[in-house]
Amino acid sequence: LVLDEPTNHLDIPSKEMLEQACQNFEGAIVAVSHDRYFLKKIATRVLEIKDGQFTNYDGDYKVFLEKNEEAAEKEGNREQKLKEQEKKMIKSKSKISKAEKKMAKKQKAKQFASSQKGKKASKNSKRWS
């Protein structure tokens, strides 16, 4: 079975079903993917093709990372970048929610002010009439 970027355009439940199907498949699977999580789940052997040379790593994706320093370094850098992005996302979400709260507060104040204007005018008109 040959799979070329099989997880592209799949939602999470579909990816999970594909992972299980691959794990239960009795034949050989050749998968080309940038989805490291998917590779960690299904790989039992990794073949690296680099500069026209094949390098065989018997074992899962974790074994490949352990034996290949360059790939492990790239994976570490990638994970660090992901953590930084998550922190930024959390900060931006908090800023957005603060801005939304501020906006809602302003709108409430405007609504209150406009409702009070009508009441004051009617009270004043009754007093002076």
Foldseek 3Di string as FASTA:
>chain_A
DEAEQPCPPPDPVVLVVVLVCLQPDPDDYHYDHPPVVSQQSRDQKDWDQDPNDTDIQGGGVVSVLVVDVVVVVVVVVVVVVVVVVVVVVVVVVVVVVVVVVVVVVVVVVVVVVVVVVVVVVVVVVVVVD
